[in-house]
Amino acid sequence: MTAMRDARELTVTEATKRGVAGLVADAEHGGPVVVTRHSRPVAAVVPVSRLAEIDEAAADLRDLALVLARSAADSGRRTSFDDVLAAFGHTRESLAAVEDDDSLDG
C-alpha cells in the first residue's frame, strides 16, 4: 500500500478519542490516517484530493485493462464503413441524400 506508507496509524480506541473532527483535521493537514484494530489496518481517512487521485488511477487502470484485452483478442480483421452501411441497408449515397430534419427539434 504505497499510498498509505506515510499514513499516521491510530488504534480504534485512539481514533475514538480523537473523534471525527480530529480525524478529519488530521487528514486535511497531515495526510492519511489509518485506523487499526488488533494491529491490522481496518479503515482510512484520506483527504478528498487523494481520493480523487485514487479514483482517477482506478479509471486509468480500467482503461488500460480494456486496451490490453482488446489487443490480446484482436484478430486484425477490420470491417469497412461501406460493409457496415450495407448491413444496415444504406450506401454512402443514400446517407448523403438524407436531409437533417430540423422540424424534430421543436
PDB file of N, CA and C in Angstrom:
ATOM      1  N   MET A   1       0.840  -1.192   0.000  1.00  0.00           N
ATOM      2  CA  MET A   1       0.000   0.000   0.000  1.00  0.00           C
ATOM      3  C   MET A   1       0.876   1.243   0.000  1.00  0.00           C
ATOM      4  N   THR A   2       1.444   1.573  -1.122  1.00  0.00           N
ATOM      5  CA  THR A   2       2.344   2.713  -1.237  1.00  0.00           C
ATOM      6  C   THR A   2       1.688   4.007  -0.785  1.00  0.00           C
ATOM      7  N   ALA A   3       0.432   4.199  -1.167  1.00  0.00           N
ATOM      8  CA  ALA A   3      -0.258   5.443  -0.830  1.00  0.00           C
ATOM      9  C   ALA A   3      -0.379   5.639   0.669  1.00  0.00           C
ATOM     10  N   MET A   4      -0.372   4.561   1.412  1.00  0.00           N
ATOM     11  CA  MET A   4      -0.591   4.655   2.848  1.00  0.00           C
ATOM     12  C   MET A   4       0.708   4.497   3.646  1.00  0.00           C
ATOM     13  N   ARG A   5       1.823   4.390   2.941  1.00  0.00           N
ATOM     14  CA  ARG A   5       3.103   4.160   3.618  1.00  0.00           C
ATOM     15  C   ARG A   5       3.409   5.241   4.661  1.00  0.00           C
ATOM     16  N   ASP A   6       3.089   6.478   4.343  1.00  0.00           N
ATOM     17  CA  ASP A   6       3.394   7.584   5.253  1.00  0.00           C
ATOM     18  C   ASP A   6       2.209   7.967   6.135  1.00  0.00           C
ATOM     19  N   ALA A   7       1.196   7.127   6.153  1.00  0.00           N
ATOM     20  CA  ALA A   7      -0.008   7.438   6.927  1.00  0.00           C
ATOM     21  C   ALA A   7       0.264   7.330   8.416  1.00  0.00           C
ATOM     22  N   ARG A   8      -0.430   8.171   9.140  1.00  0.00           N
ATOM     23  CA  ARG A   8      -0.391   8.095  10.600  1.00  0.00           C
ATOM     24  C   ARG A   8      -1.329   6.973  11.017  1.00  0.00           C
ATOM     25  N   GLU A   9      -0.875   6.104  11.896  1.00  0.00           N
ATOM     26  CA  GLU A   9      -1.709   4.992  12.368  1.00  0.00           C
ATOM     27  C   GLU A   9      -2.248   5.290  13.753  1.00  0.00           C
ATOM     28  N   LEU A  10      -3.520   4.980  13.909  1.00  0.00           N
ATOM     29  CA  LEU A  10      -4.183   5.106  15.204  1.00  0.00           C
ATOM     30  C   LEU A  10      -4.978   3.832  15.455  1.00  0.00           C
ATOM     31  N   THR A  11      -5.023   3.414  16.695  1.00  0.00           N
ATOM     32  CA  THR A  11      -5.896   2.284  17.031  1.00  0.00           C
ATOM     33  C   THR A  11      -7.335   2.789  17.035  1.00  0.00           C
ATOM     34  N   VAL A  12      -8.273   1.879  17.025  1.00  0.00           N
ATOM     35  CA  VAL A  12      -9.678   2.263  17.092  1.00  0.00           C
ATOM     36  C   VAL A  12      -9.926   3.085  18.347  1.00  0.00           C
ATOM     37  N   THR A  13      -9.331   2.687  19.461  1.00  0.00           N
ATOM     38  CA  THR A  13      -9.500   3.415  20.716  1.00  0.00           C
ATOM     39  C   THR A  13      -8.963   4.839  20.591  1.00  0.00           C
ATOM     40  N   GLU A  14      -7.760   4.988  20.010  1.00  0.00           N
ATOM     41  CA  GLU A  14      -7.184   6.326  19.822  1.00  0.00           C
ATOM     42  C   GLU A  14      -8.040   7.168  18.882  1.00  0.00           C
ATOM     43  N   ALA A  15      -8.539   6.544  17.797  1.00  0.00           N
ATOM     44  CA  ALA A  15      -9.377   7.263  16.842  1.00  0.00           C
ATOM     45  C   ALA A  15     -10.675   7.722  17.501  1.00  0.00           C
ATOM     46  N   THR A  16     -11.223   6.891  18.370  1.00  0.00           N
ATOM     47  CA  THR A  16     -12.444   7.252  19.086  1.00  0.00           C
ATOM     48  C   THR A  16     -12.190   8.477  19.959  1.00  0.00           C
ATOM     49  N   LYS A  17     -11.046   8.497  20.632  1.00  0.00           N
ATOM     50  CA  LYS A  17     -10.696   9.640  21.482  1.00  0.00           C
ATOM     51  C   LYS A  17     -10.493  10.906  20.649  1.00  0.00           C
ATOM     52  N   ARG A  18      -9.921  10.770  19.438  1.00  0.00           N
ATOM     53  CA  ARG A  18      -9.698  11.927  18.560  1.00  0.00           C
ATOM     54  C   ARG A  18     -11.022  12.467  18.054  1.00  0.00           C
ATOM     55  N   GLY A  19     -11.986  11.579  17.849  1.00  0.00           N
ATOM     56  CA  GLY A  19     -13.283  11.995  17.311  1.00  0.00           C
ATOM     57  C   GLY A  19     -13.212  12.256  15.815  1.00  0.00           C
ATOM     58  N   VAL A  20     -14.380  12.348  15.226  1.00  0.00           N
ATOM     59  CA  VAL A  20     -14.461  12.571  13.776  1.00  0.00           C
ATOM     60  C   VAL A  20     -13.778  13.878  13.396  1.00  0.00           C
ATOM     61  N   ALA A  21     -14.037  14.937  14.135  1.00  0.00           N
ATOM     62  CA  ALA A  21     -13.443  16.237  13.807  1.00  0.00           C
ATOM     63  C   ALA A  21     -11.916  16.161  13.841  1.00  0.00           C
ATOM     64  N   GLY A  22     -11.380  15.451  14.816  1.00  0.00           N
ATOM     65  CA  GLY A  22      -9.928  15.316  14.912  1.00  0.00           C
ATOM     66  C   GLY A  22      -9.349  14.512  13.771  1.00  0.00           C
ATOM     67  N   LEU A  23     -10.018  13.421  13.385  1.00  0.00           N
ATOM     68  CA  LEU A  23      -9.548  12.608  12.263  1.00  0.00           C
ATOM     69  C   LEU A  23      -9.586  13.386  10.959  1.00  0.00           C
ATOM     70  N   VAL A  24     -10.665  14.154  10.768  1.00  0.00           N
ATOM     71  CA  VAL A  24     -10.782  14.962   9.557  1.00  0.00           C
ATOM     72  C   VAL A  24      -9.685  16.017   9.523  1.00  0.00           C
ATOM     73  N   ALA A  25      -9.442  16.667  10.649  1.00  0.00           N
ATOM     74  CA  ALA A  25      -8.380  17.679  10.709  1.00  0.00           C
ATOM     75  C   ALA A  25      -7.022  17.053  10.412  1.00  0.00           C
ATOM     76  N   ASP A  26      -6.777  15.863  10.960  1.00  0.00           N
ATOM     77  CA  ASP A  26      -5.513  15.172  10.681  1.00  0.00           C
ATOM     78  C   ASP A  26      -5.359  14.904   9.189  1.00  0.00           C
ATOM     79  N   ALA A  27      -6.421  14.430   8.548  1.00  0.00           N
ATOM     80  CA  ALA A  27      -6.362  14.121   7.124  1.00  0.00           C
ATOM     81  C   ALA A  27      -6.191  15.381   6.292  1.00  0.00           C
ATOM     82  N   GLU A  28      -6.865  16.459   6.694  1.00  0.00           N
ATOM     83  CA  GLU A  28      -6.743  17.717   5.949  1.00  0.00           C
ATOM     84  C   GLU A  28      -5.341  18.290   6.005  1.00  0.00           C
ATOM     85  N   HIS A  29      -4.709  18.170   7.154  1.00  0.00           N
ATOM     86  CA  HIS A  29      -3.429  18.859   7.354  1.00  0.00           C
ATOM     87  C   HIS A  29      -2.215  17.940   7.342  1.00  0.00           C
ATOM     88  N   GLY A  30      -2.420  16.667   7.627  1.00  0.00           N
ATOM     89  CA  GLY A  30      -1.257  15.811   7.754  1.00  0.00           C
ATOM     90  C   GLY A  30      -1.265  14.573   6.891  1.00  0.00           C
ATOM     91  N   GLY A  31      -2.205  14.470   5.997  1.00  0.00           N
ATOM     92  CA  GLY A  31      -2.257  13.291   5.147  1.00  0.00           C
ATOM     93  C   GLY A  31      -3.139  12.213   5.722  1.00  0.00           C
ATOM     94  N   PRO A  32      -3.076  11.028   5.146  1.00  0.00           N
ATOM     95  CA  PRO A  32      -3.989   9.961   5.530  1.00  0.00           C
ATOM     96  C   PRO A  32      -3.777   9.451   6.950  1.00  0.00           C
ATOM     97  N   VAL A  33      -4.864   8.996   7.535  1.00  0.00           N
ATOM     98  CA  VAL A  33      -4.839   8.385   8.856  1.00  0.00           C
ATOM     99  C   VAL A  33      -5.387   6.971   8.691  1.00  0.00           C
ATOM    100  N   VAL A  34      -4.655   5.982   9.147  1.00  0.00           N
ATOM    101  CA  VAL A  34      -5.096   4.593   9.085  1.00  0.00           C
ATOM    102  C   VAL A  34      -5.500   4.163  10.485  1.00  0.00           C
ATOM    103  N   VAL A  35      -6.691   3.604  10.579  1.00  0.00           N
ATOM    104  CA  VAL A  35      -7.198   3.120  11.859  1.00  0.00           C
ATOM    105  C   VAL A  35      -6.984   1.612  11.894  1.00  0.00           C
ATOM    106  N   THR A  36      -6.386   1.154  12.998  1.00  0.00           N
ATOM    107  CA  THR A  36      -6.076  -0.272  13.127  1.00  0.00           C
ATOM    108  C   THR A  36      -6.877  -0.905  14.260  1.00  0.00           C
ATOM    109  N   ARG A  37      -7.130  -2.197  14.083  1.00  0.00           N
ATOM    110  CA  ARG A  37      -7.756  -2.999  15.138  1.00  0.00           C
ATOM    111  C   ARG A  37      -6.909  -4.260  15.252  1.00  0.00           C
ATOM    112  N   HIS A  38      -6.412  -4.521  16.439  1.00  0.00           N
ATOM    113  CA  HIS A  38      -5.537  -5.674  16.671  1.00  0.00           C
ATOM    114  C   HIS A  38      -4.346  -5.649  15.707  1.00  0.00           C
ATOM    115  N   SER A  39      -3.781  -4.455  15.526  1.00  0.00           N
ATOM    116  CA  SER A  39      -2.590  -4.217  14.695  1.00  0.00           C
ATOM    117  C   SER A  39      -2.821  -4.418  13.198  1.00  0.00           C
ATOM    118  N   ARG A  40      -4.077  -4.528  12.762  1.00  0.00           N
ATOM    119  CA  ARG A  40      -4.382  -4.669  11.338  1.00  0.00           C
ATOM    120  C   ARG A  40      -5.145  -3.434  10.859  1.00  0.00           C
ATOM    121  N   PRO A  41      -4.761  -2.860   9.710  1.00  0.00           N
ATOM    122  CA  PRO A  41      -5.498  -1.712   9.163  1.00  0.00           C
ATOM    123  C   PRO A  41      -6.942  -2.113   8.826  1.00  0.00           C
ATOM    124  N   VAL A  42      -7.897  -1.303   9.286  1.00  0.00           N
ATOM    125  CA  VAL A  42      -9.300  -1.598   9.016  1.00  0.00           C
ATOM    126  C   VAL A  42     -10.037  -0.437   8.351  1.00  0.00           C
ATOM    127  N   ALA A  43      -9.472   0.756   8.426  1.00  0.00           N
ATOM    128  CA  ALA A  43     -10.128   1.924   7.823  1.00  0.00           C
ATOM    129  C   ALA A  43      -9.078   3.000   7.583  1.00  0.00           C
ATOM    130  N   ALA A  44      -9.434   3.935   6.683  1.00  0.00           N
ATOM    131  CA  ALA A  44      -8.536   5.053   6.409  1.00  0.00           C
ATOM    132  C   ALA A  44      -9.357   6.321   6.228  1.00  0.00           C
ATOM    133  N   VAL A  45      -8.802   7.412   6.682  1.00  0.00           N
ATOM    134  CA  VAL A  45      -9.377   8.733   6.447  1.00  0.00           C
ATOM    135  C   VAL A  45      -8.352   9.466   5.600  1.00  0.00           C
ATOM    136  N   VAL A  46      -8.782   9.845   4.381  1.00  0.00           N
ATOM    137  CA  VAL A  46      -7.859  10.483   3.446  1.00  0.00           C
ATOM    138  C   VAL A  46      -8.424  11.820   2.985  1.00  0.00           C
ATOM    139  N   PRO A  47      -7.544  12.741   2.596  1.00  0.00           N
ATOM    140  CA  PRO A  47      -8.037  14.000   2.025  1.00  0.00           C
ATOM    141  C   PRO A  47      -8.812  13.718   0.736  1.00  0.00           C
ATOM    142  N   VAL A  48      -9.807  14.531   0.441  1.00  0.00           N
ATOM    143  CA  VAL A  48     -10.615  14.352  -0.760  1.00  0.00           C
ATOM    144  C   VAL A  48      -9.736  14.409  -2.010  1.00  0.00           C
ATOM    145  N   SER A  49      -8.712  15.240  -2.002  1.00  0.00           N
ATOM    146  CA  SER A  49      -7.831  15.322  -3.172  1.00  0.00           C
ATOM    147  C   SER A  49      -7.155  13.977  -3.447  1.00  0.00           C
ATOM    148  N   ARG A  50      -6.780  13.274  -2.399  1.00  0.00           N
ATOM    149  CA  ARG A  50      -6.158  11.953  -2.561  1.00  0.00           C
ATOM    150  C   ARG A  50      -7.181  10.943  -3.061  1.00  0.00           C
ATOM    151  N   LEU A  51      -8.404  11.024  -2.569  1.00  0.00           N
ATOM    152  CA  LEU A  51      -9.460  10.132  -3.037  1.00  0.00           C
ATOM    153  C   LEU A  51      -9.710  10.355  -4.527  1.00  0.00           C
ATOM    154  N   ALA A  52      -9.695  11.612  -4.967  1.00  0.00           N
ATOM    155  CA  ALA A  52      -9.866  11.919  -6.393  1.00  0.00           C
ATOM    156  C   ALA A  52      -8.730  11.306  -7.213  1.00  0.00           C
ATOM    157  N   GLU A  53      -7.507  11.379  -6.703  1.00  0.00           N
ATOM    158  CA  GLU A  53      -6.363  10.764  -7.390  1.00  0.00           C
ATOM    159  C   GLU A  53      -6.546   9.251  -7.497  1.00  0.00           C
ATOM    160  N   ILE A  54      -7.031   8.641  -6.433  1.00  0.00           N
ATOM    161  CA  ILE A  54      -7.254   7.188  -6.426  1.00  0.00           C
ATOM    162  C   ILE A  54      -8.334   6.828  -7.437  1.00  0.00           C
ATOM    163  N   ASP A  55      -9.425   7.602  -7.475  1.00  0.00           N
ATOM    164  CA  ASP A  55     -10.495   7.349  -8.445  1.00  0.00           C
ATOM    165  C   ASP A  55      -9.982   7.478  -9.875  1.00  0.00           C
ATOM    166  N   GLU A  56      -9.169   8.499 -10.131  1.00  0.00           N
ATOM    167  CA  GLU A  56      -8.604   8.704 -11.469  1.00  0.00           C
ATOM    168  C   GLU A  56      -7.671   7.553 -11.857  1.00  0.00           C
ATOM    169  N   ALA A  57      -6.853   7.114 -10.919  1.00  0.00           N
ATOM    170  CA  ALA A  57      -5.957   5.983 -11.183  1.00  0.00           C
ATOM    171  C   ALA A  57      -6.748   4.715 -11.471  1.00  0.00           C
ATOM    172  N   ALA A  58      -7.839   4.504 -10.731  1.00  0.00           N
ATOM    173  CA  ALA A  58      -8.680   3.323 -10.969  1.00  0.00           C
ATOM    174  C   ALA A  58      -9.300   3.369 -12.358  1.00  0.00           C
ATOM    175  N   ALA A  59      -9.760   4.544 -12.782  1.00  0.00           N
ATOM    176  CA  ALA A  59     -10.327   4.687 -14.128  1.00  0.00           C
ATOM    177  C   ALA A  59      -9.259   4.421 -15.182  1.00  0.00           C
ATOM    178  N   ASP A  60      -8.056   4.931 -14.962  1.00  0.00           N
ATOM    179  CA  ASP A  60      -6.945   4.693 -15.897  1.00  0.00           C
ATOM    180  C   ASP A  60      -6.620   3.208 -15.985  1.00  0.00           C
ATOM    181  N   LEU A  61      -6.648   2.521 -14.856  1.00  0.00           N
ATOM    182  CA  LEU A  61      -6.365   1.084 -14.857  1.00  0.00           C
ATOM    183  C   LEU A  61      -7.445   0.299 -15.584  1.00  0.00           C
ATOM    184  N   ARG A  62      -8.716   0.717 -15.421  1.00  0.00           N
ATOM    185  CA  ARG A  62      -9.803   0.056 -16.165  1.00  0.00           C
ATOM    186  C   ARG A  62      -9.609   0.243 -17.665  1.00  0.00           C
ATOM    187  N   ASP A  63      -9.243   1.470 -18.074  1.00  0.00           N
ATOM    188  CA  ASP A  63      -8.999   1.740 -19.494  1.00  0.00           C
ATOM    189  C   ASP A  63      -7.834   0.903 -20.010  1.00  0.00           C
ATOM    190  N   LEU A  64      -6.776   0.825 -19.234  1.00  0.00           N
ATOM    191  CA  LEU A  64      -5.618   0.031 -19.629  1.00  0.00           C
ATOM    192  C   LEU A  64      -5.976  -1.442 -19.765  1.00  0.00           C
ATOM    193  N   ALA A  65      -6.758  -1.954 -18.833  1.00  0.00           N
ATOM    194  CA  ALA A  65      -7.181  -3.350 -18.905  1.00  0.00           C
ATOM    195  C   ALA A  65      -8.005  -3.599 -20.165  1.00  0.00           C
ATOM    196  N   LEU A  66      -8.862  -2.651 -20.524  1.00  0.00           N
ATOM    197  CA  LEU A  66      -9.670  -2.788 -21.736  1.00  0.00           C
ATOM    198  C   LEU A  66      -8.783  -2.790 -22.979  1.00  0.00           C
ATOM    199  N   VAL A  67      -7.810  -1.885 -23.018  1.00  0.00           N
ATOM    200  CA  VAL A  67      -6.885  -1.836 -24.157  1.00  0.00           C
ATOM    201  C   VAL A  67      -6.102  -3.138 -24.258  1.00  0.00           C
ATOM    202  N   LEU A  68      -5.609  -3.636 -23.146  1.00  0.00           N
ATOM    203  CA  LEU A  68      -4.849  -4.890 -23.167  1.00  0.00           C
ATOM    204  C   LEU A  68      -5.717  -6.062 -23.604  1.00  0.00           C
ATOM    205  N   ALA A  69      -6.952  -6.121 -23.113  1.00  0.00           N
ATOM    206  CA  ALA A  69      -7.851  -7.204 -23.500  1.00  0.00           C
ATOM    207  C   ALA A  69      -8.174  -7.137 -24.983  1.00  0.00           C
ATOM    208  N   ARG A  70      -8.413  -5.934 -25.478  1.00  0.00           N
ATOM    209  CA  ARG A  70      -8.704  -5.787 -26.905  1.00  0.00           C
ATOM    210  C   ARG A  70      -7.484  -6.134 -27.744  1.00  0.00           C
ATOM    211  N   SER A  71      -6.315  -5.753 -27.290  1.00  0.00           N
ATOM    212  CA  SER A  71      -5.086  -6.083 -28.026  1.00  0.00           C
ATOM    213  C   SER A  71      -4.870  -7.586 -28.081  1.00  0.00           C
ATOM    214  N   ALA A  72      -5.127  -8.249 -26.988  1.00  0.00           N
ATOM    215  CA  ALA A  72      -4.929  -9.705 -26.935  1.00  0.00           C
ATOM    216  C   ALA A  72      -5.930 -10.436 -27.816  1.00  0.00           C
ATOM    217  N   ALA A  73      -7.132  -9.882 -27.952  1.00  0.00           N
ATOM    218  CA  ALA A  73      -8.175 -10.558 -28.712  1.00  0.00           C
ATOM    219  C   ALA A  73      -8.279 -10.069 -30.155  1.00  0.00           C
ATOM    220  N   ASP A  74      -7.448  -9.094 -30.543  1.00  0.00           N
ATOM    221  CA  ASP A  74      -7.537  -8.507 -31.884  1.00  0.00           C
ATOM    222  C   ASP A  74      -7.025  -9.478 -32.939  1.00  0.00           C
ATOM    223  N   SER A  75      -7.904  -9.828 -33.868  1.00  0.00           N
ATOM    224  CA  SER A  75      -7.508 -10.740 -34.945  1.00  0.00           C
ATOM    225  C   SER A  75      -6.895  -9.998 -36.119  1.00  0.00           C
ATOM    226  N   GLY A  76      -7.003  -8.681 -36.106  1.00  0.00           N
ATOM    227  CA  GLY A  76      -6.500  -7.894 -37.223  1.00  0.00           C
ATOM    228  C   GLY A  76      -7.557  -7.677 -38.299  1.00  0.00           C
ATOM    229  N   ARG A  77      -8.663  -8.378 -38.220  1.00  0.00           N
ATOM    230  CA  ARG A  77      -9.732  -8.248 -39.200  1.00  0.00           C
ATOM    231  C   ARG A  77     -10.489  -6.949 -38.945  1.00  0.00           C
ATOM    232  N   ARG A  78     -10.739  -6.230 -40.014  1.00  0.00           N
ATOM    233  CA  ARG A  78     -11.455  -4.966 -39.912  1.00  0.00           C
ATOM    234  C   ARG A  78     -12.668  -4.999 -40.846  1.00  0.00           C
ATOM    235  N   THR A  79     -13.716  -4.281 -40.487  1.00  0.00           N
ATOM    236  CA  THR A  79     -14.909  -4.165 -41.318  1.00  0.00           C
ATOM    237  C   THR A  79     -14.936  -2.760 -41.888  1.00  0.00           C
ATOM    238  N   SER A  80     -15.103  -2.666 -43.196  1.00  0.00           N
ATOM    239  CA  SER A  80     -15.109  -1.347 -43.834  1.00  0.00           C
ATOM    240  C   SER A  80     -16.412  -0.618 -43.515  1.00  0.00           C
ATOM    241  N   PHE A  81     -16.357   0.688 -43.646  1.00  0.00           N
ATOM    242  CA  PHE A  81     -17.537   1.512 -43.419  1.00  0.00           C
ATOM    243  C   PHE A  81     -18.638   1.147 -44.411  1.00  0.00           C
ATOM    244  N   ASP A  82     -18.245   0.894 -45.655  1.00  0.00           N
ATOM    245  CA  ASP A  82     -19.237   0.516 -46.672  1.00  0.00           C
ATOM    246  C   ASP A  82     -19.934  -0.794 -46.315  1.00  0.00           C
ATOM    247  N   ASP A  83     -19.204  -1.744 -45.759  1.00  0.00           N
ATOM    248  CA  ASP A  83     -19.815  -3.010 -45.335  1.00  0.00           C
ATOM    249  C   ASP A  83     -20.804  -2.790 -44.189  1.00  0.00           C
ATOM    250  N   VAL A  84     -20.457  -1.912 -43.287  1.00  0.00           N
ATOM    251  CA  VAL A  84     -21.365  -1.602 -42.173  1.00  0.00           C
ATOM    252  C   VAL A  84     -22.626  -0.936 -42.708  1.00  0.00           C
ATOM    253  N   LEU A  85     -22.447   0.036 -43.611  1.00  0.00           N
ATOM    254  CA  LEU A  85     -23.609   0.684 -44.206  1.00  0.00           C
ATOM    255  C   LEU A  85     -24.505  -0.337 -44.907  1.00  0.00           C
ATOM    256  N   ALA A  86     -23.897  -1.234 -45.674  1.00  0.00           N
ATOM    257  CA  ALA A  86     -24.654  -2.256 -46.398  1.00  0.00           C
ATOM    258  C   ALA A  86     -25.426  -3.154 -45.433  1.00  0.00           C
ATOM    259  N   ALA A  87     -24.840  -3.468 -44.281  1.00  0.00           N
ATOM    260  CA  ALA A  87     -25.515  -4.317 -43.302  1.00  0.00           C
ATOM    261  C   ALA A  87     -26.781  -3.648 -42.785  1.00  0.00           C
ATOM    262  N   PHE A  88     -26.818  -2.309 -42.824  1.00  0.00           N
ATOM    263  CA  PHE A  88     -27.995  -1.568 -42.380  1.00  0.00           C
ATOM    264  C   PHE A  88     -28.841  -1.060 -43.549  1.00  0.00           C
ATOM    265  N   GLY A  89     -28.525  -1.568 -44.756  1.00  0.00           N
ATOM    266  CA  GLY A  89     -29.324  -1.215 -45.926  1.00  0.00           C
ATOM    267  C   GLY A  89     -29.061   0.168 -46.476  1.00  0.00           C
ATOM    268  N   HIS A  90     -27.863   0.677 -46.287  1.00  0.00           N
ATOM    269  CA  HIS A  90     -27.521   2.009 -46.788  1.00  0.00           C
ATOM    270  C   HIS A  90     -26.273   1.955 -47.640  1.00  0.00           C
ATOM    271  N   THR A  91     -26.066   3.059 -48.344  1.00  0.00           N
ATOM    272  CA  THR A  91     -24.813   3.312 -49.063  1.00  0.00           C
ATOM    273  C   THR A  91     -24.375   4.713 -48.681  1.00  0.00           C
ATOM    274  N   ARG A  92     -23.184   5.089 -49.091  1.00  0.00           N
ATOM    275  CA  ARG A  92     -22.739   6.467 -48.827  1.00  0.00           C
ATOM    276  C   ARG A  92     -23.683   7.466 -49.500  1.00  0.00           C
ATOM    277  N   GLU A  93     -24.146   7.110 -50.693  1.00  0.00           N
ATOM    278  CA  GLU A  93     -25.044   7.988 -51.429  1.00  0.00           C
ATOM    279  C   GLU A  93     -26.396   8.133 -50.723  1.00  0.00           C
ATOM    280  N   SER A  94     -26.911   7.009 -50.184  1.00  0.00           N
ATOM    281  CA  SER A  94     -28.207   7.099 -49.505  1.00  0.00           C
ATOM    282  C   SER A  94     -28.103   7.917 -48.223  1.00  0.00           C
ATOM    283  N   LEU A  95     -26.959   7.835 -47.564  1.00  0.00           N
ATOM    284  CA  LEU A  95     -26.768   8.677 -46.369  1.00  0.00           C
ATOM    285  C   LEU A  95     -26.661  10.140 -46.751  1.00  0.00           C
ATOM    286  N   ALA A  96     -25.978  10.438 -47.846  1.00  0.00           N
ATOM    287  CA  ALA A  96     -25.827  11.828 -48.284  1.00  0.00           C
ATOM    288  C   ALA A  96     -27.175  12.417 -48.675  1.00  0.00           C
ATOM    289  N   ALA A  97     -28.092  11.577 -49.136  1.00  0.00           N
ATOM    290  CA  ALA A  97     -29.397  12.042 -49.570  1.00  0.00           C
ATOM    291  C   ALA A  97     -30.324  12.337 -48.390  1.00  0.00           C
ATOM    292  N   VAL A  98     -29.998  11.840 -47.217  1.00  0.00           N
ATOM    293  CA  VAL A  98     -30.836  12.081 -46.032  1.00  0.00           C
ATOM    294  C   VAL A  98     -30.594  13.503 -45.554  1.00  0.00           C
ATOM    295  N   GLU A  99     -31.677  14.280 -45.488  1.00  0.00           N
ATOM    296  CA  GLU A  99     -31.562  15.659 -45.030  1.00  0.00           C
ATOM    297  C   GLU A  99     -31.759  15.707 -43.530  1.00  0.00           C
ATOM    298  N   ASP A 100     -31.103  16.682 -42.895  1.00  0.00           N
ATOM    299  CA  ASP A 100     -31.354  16.904 -41.460  1.00  0.00           C
ATOM    300  C   ASP A 100     -32.759  17.425 -41.306  1.00  0.00           C
ATOM    301  N   ASP A 101     -33.493  16.854 -40.401  1.00  0.00           N
ATOM    302  CA  ASP A 101     -34.880  17.245 -40.193  1.00  0.00           C
ATOM    303  C   ASP A 101     -34.933  18.164 -38.980  1.00  0.00           C
ATOM    304  N   ASP A 102     -34.887  19.484 -39.237  1.00  0.00           N
ATOM    305  CA  ASP A 102     -34.924  20.466 -38.156  1.00  0.00           C
ATOM    306  C   ASP A 102     -36.298  20.535 -37.496  1.00  0.00           C
ATOM    307  N   SER A 103     -37.316  19.991 -38.147  1.00  0.00           N
ATOM    308  CA  SER A 103     -38.651  20.057 -37.559  1.00  0.00           C
ATOM    309  C   SER A 103     -38.766  19.176 -36.321  1.00  0.00           C
ATOM    310  N   LEU A 104     -37.838  18.232 -36.129  1.00  0.00           N
ATOM    311  CA  LEU A 104     -37.873  17.368 -34.949  1.00  0.00           C
ATOM    312  C   LEU A 104     -37.365  18.078 -33.698  1.00  0.00           C
ATOM    313  N   ASP A 105     -36.666  19.209 -33.886  1.00  0.00           N
ATOM    314  CA  ASP A 105     -36.088  19.918 -32.747  1.00  0.00           C
ATOM    315  C   ASP A 105     -37.112  20.755 -31.985  1.00  0.00           C
ATOM    316  N   GLY A 106     -38.207  21.032 -32.541  1.00  0.00           N
ATOM    317  CA  GLY A 106     -39.034  21.854 -31.734  1.00  0.00           C
ATOM    318  C   GLY A 106     -40.379  22.005 -32.184  1.00  0.00           C
TER     319      GLY A 106
END
